[in-house]
Amino acid sequence: MTFTTQTLASSLAEHLAPLLPGVVFYENPNQQGTKTPCMFLQQRYGYTDQKQGGRFLRRIGLDLTYLEDYNLPDLQERYQSAVEAIDPFMEKIPYREREGEERTLLHTYEREYRIDLDALHYQFELKVWVTLPKDEPYMQTMDYHEEVIHGSD
């Protein structure tokens, strides 16, 4: 399995869509033509924490941002309702690279949210063990021809 933030955004949208009907999910912050209500995922930080047996613990800080129309009189209540809908389902995120693949559950850490005047920011961290892809083939063939040489007596 190959882990990417873009694939995570798709998996997260699929996971949260039934909880937030009518919400449009974007992979990245959208500048023009944004339809609200909407959500998008941004990576806040990422670093390698540990190395063990050729694997690396990748720590990724993410911000799931939820936007509504700015001029709504009940904007804060809408943000609070959204966070109450998603928070119970954010402890584990089902992740899959491609349609039809089996899902892998990713645990989230350091979950917290903040409601600003213009957005809801739901922040969390993932800790994912990864390996670097290798360009070399796993198995190679050897061209071997048996030859017997008799010594002189």
N, C-alpha and C. Protein backbone atom coordinates (compact mmCIF):
# COMPACT_ATOMS: atom_id res chain seq x y z
N MET A 1 0.84 -1.17 0.00
CA MET A 1 0.00 0.00 0.00
C MET A 1 0.89 1.23 0.00
N THR A 2 0.50 2.22 -0.77
CA THR A 2 1.21 3.48 -0.84
C THR A 2 0.38 4.53 -0.11
N PHE A 3 0.98 5.22 0.85
CA PHE A 3 0.26 6.22 1.63
C PHE A 3 0.52 7.60 1.06
N THR A 4 -0.56 8.34 0.75
CA THR A 4 -0.45 9.73 0.32
C THR A 4 -1.53 10.55 1.00
N THR A 5 -1.28 11.84 1.16
CA THR A 5 -2.28 12.72 1.77
C THR A 5 -3.49 12.87 0.86
N GLN A 6 -3.29 12.87 -0.46
CA GLN A 6 -4.42 12.98 -1.39
C GLN A 6 -5.35 11.77 -1.26
N THR A 7 -4.77 10.58 -1.15
CA THR A 7 -5.60 9.39 -0.99
C THR A 7 -6.29 9.40 0.37
N LEU A 8 -5.61 9.91 1.38
CA LEU A 8 -6.23 10.05 2.69
C LEU A 8 -7.44 10.98 2.62
N ALA A 9 -7.33 12.08 1.88
CA ALA A 9 -8.44 13.02 1.74
C ALA A 9 -9.65 12.33 1.10
N SER A 10 -9.41 11.50 0.10
CA SER A 10 -10.50 10.76 -0.55
C SER A 10 -11.13 9.76 0.41
N SER A 11 -10.31 9.04 1.15
CA SER A 11 -10.81 8.06 2.11
C SER A 11 -11.61 8.75 3.22
N LEU A 12 -11.12 9.89 3.67
CA LEU A 12 -11.80 10.64 4.71
C LEU A 12 -13.15 11.18 4.21
N ALA A 13 -13.18 11.65 2.98
CA ALA A 13 -14.44 12.14 2.40
C ALA A 13 -15.46 11.01 2.32
N GLU A 14 -15.02 9.84 1.90
CA GLU A 14 -15.91 8.68 1.81
C GLU A 14 -16.42 8.29 3.20
N HIS A 15 -15.57 8.39 4.20
CA HIS A 15 -15.92 8.02 5.57
C HIS A 15 -16.91 9.01 6.19
N LEU A 16 -16.74 10.32 5.92
CA LEU A 16 -17.55 11.34 6.57
C LEU A 16 -18.80 11.75 5.79
N ALA A 17 -18.87 11.44 4.51
CA ALA A 17 -20.00 11.87 3.68
C ALA A 17 -21.37 11.47 4.25
N PRO A 18 -21.55 10.24 4.75
CA PRO A 18 -22.87 9.90 5.32
C PRO A 18 -23.22 10.72 6.57
N LEU A 19 -22.22 11.22 7.27
CA LEU A 19 -22.47 11.99 8.49
C LEU A 19 -22.81 13.45 8.22
N LEU A 20 -22.38 13.94 7.05
CA LEU A 20 -22.58 15.34 6.69
C LEU A 20 -23.22 15.44 5.30
N PRO A 21 -24.49 15.08 5.18
CA PRO A 21 -25.13 15.12 3.86
C PRO A 21 -25.14 16.55 3.31
N GLY A 22 -24.89 16.66 2.02
CA GLY A 22 -24.89 17.96 1.36
C GLY A 22 -23.57 18.70 1.43
N VAL A 23 -22.59 18.15 2.13
CA VAL A 23 -21.28 18.80 2.23
C VAL A 23 -20.41 18.35 1.06
N VAL A 24 -19.79 19.31 0.40
CA VAL A 24 -18.88 19.03 -0.72
C VAL A 24 -17.48 18.85 -0.13
N PHE A 25 -16.78 17.80 -0.54
CA PHE A 25 -15.43 17.54 -0.05
C PHE A 25 -14.42 17.88 -1.14
N TYR A 26 -13.45 18.70 -0.79
CA TYR A 26 -12.35 19.06 -1.69
C TYR A 26 -11.07 18.46 -1.14
N GLU A 27 -10.15 18.12 -2.04
CA GLU A 27 -8.86 17.59 -1.59
C GLU A 27 -7.97 18.67 -1.02
N ASN A 28 -8.10 19.88 -1.53
CA ASN A 28 -7.26 21.00 -1.12
C ASN A 28 -8.14 22.22 -0.89
N PRO A 29 -7.58 23.25 -0.26
CA PRO A 29 -8.35 24.50 -0.16
C PRO A 29 -8.70 24.99 -1.56
N ASN A 30 -9.92 25.39 -1.73
CA ASN A 30 -10.42 25.80 -3.03
C ASN A 30 -10.55 27.33 -3.04
N GLN A 31 -10.00 27.98 -4.04
CA GLN A 31 -10.00 29.44 -4.07
C GLN A 31 -11.25 30.01 -4.74
N GLN A 32 -11.64 29.44 -5.88
CA GLN A 32 -12.76 29.99 -6.63
C GLN A 32 -13.78 28.89 -6.89
N GLY A 33 -15.02 29.27 -6.93
CA GLY A 33 -16.08 28.32 -7.24
C GLY A 33 -16.38 27.36 -6.11
N THR A 34 -16.04 27.74 -4.90
CA THR A 34 -16.29 26.87 -3.75
C THR A 34 -17.77 26.86 -3.44
N LYS A 35 -18.32 25.66 -3.32
CA LYS A 35 -19.72 25.50 -2.94
C LYS A 35 -19.76 25.13 -1.47
N THR A 36 -20.49 25.91 -0.70
CA THR A 36 -20.61 25.63 0.73
C THR A 36 -21.94 24.96 1.00
N PRO A 37 -22.04 24.16 2.03
CA PRO A 37 -20.99 23.81 2.98
C PRO A 37 -19.97 22.88 2.34
N CYS A 38 -18.72 22.99 2.80
CA CYS A 38 -17.66 22.17 2.23
C CYS A 38 -16.61 21.86 3.29
N MET A 39 -15.79 20.85 2.97
CA MET A 39 -14.65 20.46 3.81
C MET A 39 -13.46 20.23 2.91
N PHE A 40 -12.29 20.47 3.46
CA PHE A 40 -11.05 20.11 2.77
C PHE A 40 -9.99 19.78 3.80
N LEU A 41 -8.98 19.05 3.37
CA LEU A 41 -7.92 18.57 4.25
C LEU A 41 -6.62 19.27 3.89
N GLN A 42 -5.93 19.77 4.93
CA GLN A 42 -4.63 20.39 4.74
C GLN A 42 -3.62 19.73 5.66
N GLN A 43 -2.42 19.53 5.14
CA GLN A 43 -1.34 19.01 5.99
C GLN A 43 -0.68 20.19 6.67
N ARG A 44 -0.59 20.14 8.01
CA ARG A 44 0.02 21.21 8.79
C ARG A 44 1.51 20.98 8.99
N TYR A 45 1.89 19.75 9.24
CA TYR A 45 3.30 19.42 9.42
C TYR A 45 3.49 17.94 9.13
N GLY A 46 4.71 17.55 8.99
CA GLY A 46 5.05 16.15 8.79
C GLY A 46 6.53 15.96 9.05
N TYR A 47 6.85 14.91 9.78
CA TYR A 47 8.26 14.62 10.01
C TYR A 47 8.42 13.15 10.37
N THR A 48 9.65 12.70 10.27
CA THR A 48 9.99 11.34 10.61
C THR A 48 10.43 11.32 12.06
N ASP A 49 9.81 10.45 12.84
CA ASP A 49 10.07 10.43 14.27
C ASP A 49 11.05 9.34 14.67
N GLN A 50 10.89 8.13 14.14
CA GLN A 50 11.74 7.00 14.51
C GLN A 50 12.08 6.19 13.27
N LYS A 51 13.14 5.42 13.40
CA LYS A 51 13.52 4.49 12.36
C LYS A 51 13.73 3.15 13.02
N GLN A 52 13.15 2.11 12.42
CA GLN A 52 13.27 0.79 13.02
C GLN A 52 13.15 -0.26 11.92
N GLY A 53 14.17 -1.06 11.77
CA GLY A 53 14.13 -2.16 10.81
C GLY A 53 13.84 -1.74 9.39
N GLY A 54 14.37 -0.61 8.93
CA GLY A 54 14.13 -0.16 7.57
C GLY A 54 12.81 0.58 7.39
N ARG A 55 12.06 0.74 8.48
CA ARG A 55 10.79 1.46 8.43
C ARG A 55 10.92 2.79 9.17
N PHE A 56 10.08 3.74 8.79
CA PHE A 56 10.10 5.06 9.39
C PHE A 56 8.72 5.38 9.96
N LEU A 57 8.68 5.97 11.14
CA LEU A 57 7.42 6.42 11.71
C LEU A 57 7.20 7.85 11.23
N ARG A 58 6.24 7.99 10.35
CA ARG A 58 5.92 9.29 9.78
C ARG A 58 4.78 9.91 10.60
N ARG A 59 5.03 11.08 11.16
CA ARG A 59 4.01 11.79 11.94
C ARG A 59 3.49 12.94 11.09
N ILE A 60 2.18 12.95 10.89
CA ILE A 60 1.58 13.91 9.98
C ILE A 60 0.46 14.65 10.71
N GLY A 61 0.59 15.95 10.80
CA GLY A 61 -0.45 16.79 11.40
C GLY A 61 -1.39 17.27 10.32
N LEU A 62 -2.69 17.08 10.54
CA LEU A 62 -3.69 17.41 9.53
C LEU A 62 -4.75 18.34 10.09
N ASP A 63 -5.30 19.15 9.22
CA ASP A 63 -6.36 20.09 9.58
C ASP A 63 -7.52 19.86 8.62
N LEU A 64 -8.62 19.34 9.15
CA LEU A 64 -9.84 19.15 8.38
C LEU A 64 -10.66 20.42 8.59
N THR A 65 -10.81 21.20 7.55
CA THR A 65 -11.47 22.50 7.65
C THR A 65 -12.88 22.41 7.08
N TYR A 66 -13.84 22.93 7.84
CA TYR A 66 -15.24 22.92 7.44
C TYR A 66 -15.71 24.35 7.28
N LEU A 67 -16.31 24.66 6.13
CA LEU A 67 -16.77 26.02 5.84
C LEU A 67 -18.26 26.04 5.55
N GLU A 68 -18.92 27.07 6.06
CA GLU A 68 -20.31 27.38 5.74
C GLU A 68 -20.34 28.80 5.20
N ASP A 69 -21.48 29.23 4.66
CA ASP A 69 -21.63 30.62 4.26
C ASP A 69 -21.34 31.51 5.45
N TYR A 70 -20.57 32.55 5.23
CA TYR A 70 -20.10 33.39 6.33
C TYR A 70 -21.21 34.18 7.01
N ASN A 71 -22.24 34.58 6.29
CA ASN A 71 -23.25 35.49 6.84
C ASN A 71 -24.46 34.80 7.44
N LEU A 72 -24.36 33.56 7.81
CA LEU A 72 -25.50 32.87 8.41
C LEU A 72 -25.65 33.25 9.88
N PRO A 73 -26.88 33.50 10.35
CA PRO A 73 -27.05 33.89 11.76
C PRO A 73 -26.74 32.76 12.74
N ASP A 74 -26.85 31.51 12.30
CA ASP A 74 -26.58 30.37 13.19
C ASP A 74 -25.27 29.66 12.84
N LEU A 75 -24.31 30.42 12.36
CA LEU A 75 -23.05 29.85 11.88
C LEU A 75 -22.32 29.05 12.96
N GLN A 76 -22.20 29.60 14.15
CA GLN A 76 -21.49 28.91 15.23
C GLN A 76 -22.19 27.61 15.61
N GLU A 77 -23.51 27.60 15.63
CA GLU A 77 -24.25 26.38 15.94
C GLU A 77 -24.05 25.31 14.87
N ARG A 78 -23.97 25.74 13.61
CA ARG A 78 -23.72 24.79 12.52
C ARG A 78 -22.35 24.14 12.67
N TYR A 79 -21.35 24.95 13.02
CA TYR A 79 -20.01 24.39 13.22
C TYR A 79 -20.00 23.43 14.41
N GLN A 80 -20.68 23.78 15.47
CA GLN A 80 -20.73 22.91 16.64
C GLN A 80 -21.44 21.59 16.30
N SER A 81 -22.52 21.65 15.53
CA SER A 81 -23.24 20.44 15.11
C SER A 81 -22.36 19.56 14.23
N ALA A 82 -21.57 20.18 13.36
CA ALA A 82 -20.68 19.42 12.48
C ALA A 82 -19.62 18.67 13.28
N VAL A 83 -19.02 19.34 14.24
CA VAL A 83 -17.97 18.69 15.03
C VAL A 83 -18.56 17.58 15.89
N GLU A 84 -19.76 17.78 16.41
CA GLU A 84 -20.40 16.73 17.19
C GLU A 84 -20.77 15.52 16.33
N ALA A 85 -21.03 15.75 15.05
CA ALA A 85 -21.34 14.65 14.14
C ALA A 85 -20.10 13.83 13.78
N ILE A 86 -18.98 14.51 13.55
CA ILE A 86 -17.80 13.78 13.06
C ILE A 86 -16.88 13.26 14.16
N ASP A 87 -16.82 13.95 15.30
CA ASP A 87 -15.83 13.57 16.32
C ASP A 87 -15.91 12.11 16.76
N PRO A 88 -17.10 11.54 17.01
CA PRO A 88 -17.13 10.13 17.42
C PRO A 88 -16.60 9.16 16.36
N PHE A 89 -16.51 9.62 15.10
CA PHE A 89 -16.07 8.75 14.01
C PHE A 89 -14.65 9.05 13.54
N MET A 90 -13.92 9.83 14.31
CA MET A 90 -12.57 10.21 13.89
C MET A 90 -11.47 9.50 14.66
N GLU A 91 -11.81 8.61 15.57
CA GLU A 91 -10.77 7.88 16.30
C GLU A 91 -9.98 6.97 15.37
N LYS A 92 -10.68 6.35 14.45
CA LYS A 92 -10.05 5.49 13.43
C LYS A 92 -10.63 5.87 12.08
N ILE A 93 -9.74 6.03 11.11
CA ILE A 93 -10.15 6.40 9.76
C ILE A 93 -9.89 5.22 8.83
N PRO A 94 -10.91 4.75 8.10
CA PRO A 94 -10.66 3.68 7.14
C PRO A 94 -9.95 4.25 5.90
N TYR A 95 -8.81 3.68 5.58
CA TYR A 95 -7.97 4.17 4.48
C TYR A 95 -7.85 3.08 3.43
N ARG A 96 -7.98 3.46 2.19
CA ARG A 96 -7.69 2.52 1.10
C ARG A 96 -7.13 3.30 -0.08
N GLU A 97 -6.21 2.65 -0.74
CA GLU A 97 -5.50 3.31 -1.84
C GLU A 97 -6.35 3.36 -3.11
N ARG A 98 -7.03 2.27 -3.42
CA ARG A 98 -7.83 2.18 -4.63
C ARG A 98 -9.21 1.59 -4.33
N GLU A 99 -10.14 1.93 -5.18
CA GLU A 99 -11.49 1.37 -5.08
C GLU A 99 -11.42 -0.15 -5.17
N GLY A 100 -12.13 -0.82 -4.30
CA GLY A 100 -12.14 -2.28 -4.30
C GLY A 100 -11.11 -2.91 -3.38
N GLU A 101 -10.13 -2.13 -2.92
CA GLU A 101 -9.13 -2.65 -1.99
C GLU A 101 -9.72 -2.76 -0.59
N GLU A 102 -9.14 -3.62 0.20
CA GLU A 102 -9.54 -3.73 1.60
C GLU A 102 -9.10 -2.47 2.34
N ARG A 103 -9.92 -2.03 3.28
CA ARG A 103 -9.60 -0.82 4.04
C ARG A 103 -8.67 -1.16 5.21
N THR A 104 -7.78 -0.22 5.50
CA THR A 104 -6.89 -0.29 6.66
C THR A 104 -7.31 0.80 7.62
N LEU A 105 -7.46 0.47 8.90
CA LEU A 105 -7.84 1.49 9.87
C LEU A 105 -6.61 2.24 10.36
N LEU A 106 -6.65 3.55 10.25
CA LEU A 106 -5.58 4.42 10.74
C LEU A 106 -6.05 5.08 12.02
N HIS A 107 -5.30 4.95 13.09
CA HIS A 107 -5.64 5.60 14.35
C HIS A 107 -5.24 7.06 14.29
N THR A 108 -6.07 7.90 14.89
CA THR A 108 -5.75 9.33 14.97
C THR A 108 -5.31 9.66 16.39
N TYR A 109 -4.49 10.68 16.51
CA TYR A 109 -3.96 11.11 17.80
C TYR A 109 -4.11 12.62 17.92
N GLU A 110 -4.06 13.11 19.15
CA GLU A 110 -4.08 14.55 19.42
C GLU A 110 -5.23 15.26 18.72
N ARG A 111 -6.42 14.67 18.77
CA ARG A 111 -7.58 15.29 18.12
C ARG A 111 -8.05 16.51 18.92
N GLU A 112 -8.31 17.59 18.21
CA GLU A 112 -8.85 18.80 18.83
C GLU A 112 -9.53 19.63 17.76
N TYR A 113 -10.42 20.49 18.17
CA TYR A 113 -11.06 21.37 17.19
C TYR A 113 -11.11 22.79 17.72
N ARG A 114 -11.25 23.70 16.75
CA ARG A 114 -11.32 25.13 17.07
C ARG A 114 -12.35 25.74 16.11
N ILE A 115 -13.28 26.50 16.68
CA ILE A 115 -14.27 27.19 15.85
C ILE A 115 -13.88 28.65 15.78
N ASP A 116 -13.51 29.08 14.57
CA ASP A 116 -13.18 30.49 14.34
C ASP A 116 -14.43 31.19 13.79
N LEU A 117 -14.31 32.47 13.52
CA LEU A 117 -15.44 33.20 12.95
C LEU A 117 -15.81 32.71 11.56
N ASP A 118 -14.82 32.21 10.83
CA ASP A 118 -15.09 31.85 9.44
C ASP A 118 -14.97 30.36 9.13
N ALA A 119 -14.57 29.52 10.09
CA ALA A 119 -14.37 28.09 9.79
C ALA A 119 -14.27 27.25 11.05
N LEU A 120 -14.51 25.97 10.87
CA LEU A 120 -14.26 24.98 11.91
C LEU A 120 -12.98 24.27 11.52
N HIS A 121 -12.02 24.18 12.42
CA HIS A 121 -10.76 23.48 12.17
C HIS A 121 -10.70 22.27 13.09
N TYR A 122 -10.75 21.10 12.50
CA TYR A 122 -10.65 19.85 13.26
C TYR A 122 -9.25 19.31 12.98
N GLN A 123 -8.39 19.34 13.99
CA GLN A 123 -6.99 18.97 13.80
C GLN A 123 -6.69 17.64 14.48
N PHE A 124 -5.85 16.86 13.83
CA PHE A 124 -5.44 15.57 14.38
C PHE A 124 -4.11 15.17 13.79
N GLU A 125 -3.54 14.12 14.36
CA GLU A 125 -2.25 13.62 13.91
C GLU A 125 -2.36 12.15 13.56
N LEU A 126 -1.64 11.75 12.53
CA LEU A 126 -1.51 10.34 12.17
C LEU A 126 -0.08 9.92 12.41
N LYS A 127 0.09 8.69 12.86
CA LYS A 127 1.42 8.09 13.00
C LYS A 127 1.40 6.84 12.14
N VAL A 128 2.13 6.88 11.04
CA VAL A 128 2.08 5.82 10.06
C VAL A 128 3.49 5.27 9.83
N TRP A 129 3.65 3.96 9.97
CA TRP A 129 4.93 3.32 9.65
C TRP A 129 5.02 3.14 8.15
N VAL A 130 6.08 3.66 7.54
CA VAL A 130 6.27 3.58 6.09
C VAL A 130 7.66 3.06 5.77
N THR A 131 7.79 2.54 4.58
CA THR A 131 9.10 2.17 4.04
C THR A 131 9.28 2.90 2.73
N LEU A 132 10.51 3.16 2.39
CA LEU A 132 10.79 3.79 1.11
C LEU A 132 10.68 2.75 0.00
N PRO A 133 10.07 3.14 -1.12
CA PRO A 133 9.99 2.17 -2.22
C PRO A 133 11.38 1.87 -2.77
N LYS A 134 11.57 0.62 -3.14
CA LYS A 134 12.86 0.20 -3.69
C LYS A 134 12.72 0.03 -5.20
N ASP A 135 13.73 0.52 -5.92
CA ASP A 135 13.71 0.41 -7.37
C ASP A 135 14.25 -0.94 -7.85
N GLU A 136 14.96 -1.62 -6.99
CA GLU A 136 15.58 -2.87 -7.38
C GLU A 136 14.54 -4.00 -7.35
N PRO A 137 14.69 -4.96 -8.23
CA PRO A 137 13.75 -6.09 -8.21
C PRO A 137 13.98 -6.95 -6.96
N TYR A 138 12.92 -7.57 -6.50
CA TYR A 138 13.02 -8.41 -5.31
C TYR A 138 13.85 -9.66 -5.58
N MET A 139 13.76 -10.19 -6.78
CA MET A 139 14.48 -11.41 -7.08
C MET A 139 15.13 -11.26 -8.45
N GLN A 140 16.33 -11.74 -8.57
CA GLN A 140 17.03 -11.69 -9.83
C GLN A 140 17.38 -13.10 -10.26
N THR A 141 17.61 -13.27 -11.55
CA THR A 141 18.01 -14.58 -12.04
C THR A 141 19.51 -14.57 -12.27
N MET A 142 20.06 -15.73 -12.18
CA MET A 142 21.49 -15.86 -12.37
C MET A 142 21.72 -16.80 -13.55
N ASP A 143 22.55 -16.40 -14.48
CA ASP A 143 22.87 -17.24 -15.62
C ASP A 143 24.03 -18.14 -15.22
N TYR A 144 23.73 -19.40 -14.98
CA TYR A 144 24.73 -20.32 -14.45
C TYR A 144 24.81 -21.54 -15.36
N HIS A 145 25.99 -21.86 -15.77
CA HIS A 145 26.24 -23.06 -16.57
C HIS A 145 27.25 -23.91 -15.83
N GLU A 146 26.86 -25.11 -15.52
CA GLU A 146 27.74 -26.01 -14.79
C GLU A 146 28.85 -26.49 -15.73
N GLU A 147 30.06 -26.47 -15.24
CA GLU A 147 31.18 -26.93 -16.03
C GLU A 147 32.14 -27.69 -15.12
N VAL A 148 32.54 -28.86 -15.56
CA VAL A 148 33.46 -29.68 -14.80
C VAL A 148 34.79 -29.66 -15.50
N ILE A 149 35.84 -29.34 -14.78
CA ILE A 149 37.18 -29.31 -15.35
C ILE A 149 37.97 -30.41 -14.67
N HIS A 150 38.51 -31.29 -15.46
CA HIS A 150 39.34 -32.37 -14.93
C HIS A 150 40.78 -31.92 -14.91
N GLY A 151 41.43 -32.19 -13.80
CA GLY A 151 42.84 -31.84 -13.68
C GLY A 151 43.72 -32.86 -14.39
N SER A 152 44.95 -32.52 -14.74
CA SER A 152 45.85 -33.47 -15.40
C SER A 152 46.50 -34.36 -14.37
N ASP A 153 46.61 -35.65 -14.69
CA ASP A 153 47.20 -36.62 -13.79
C ASP A 153 48.66 -36.80 -14.04
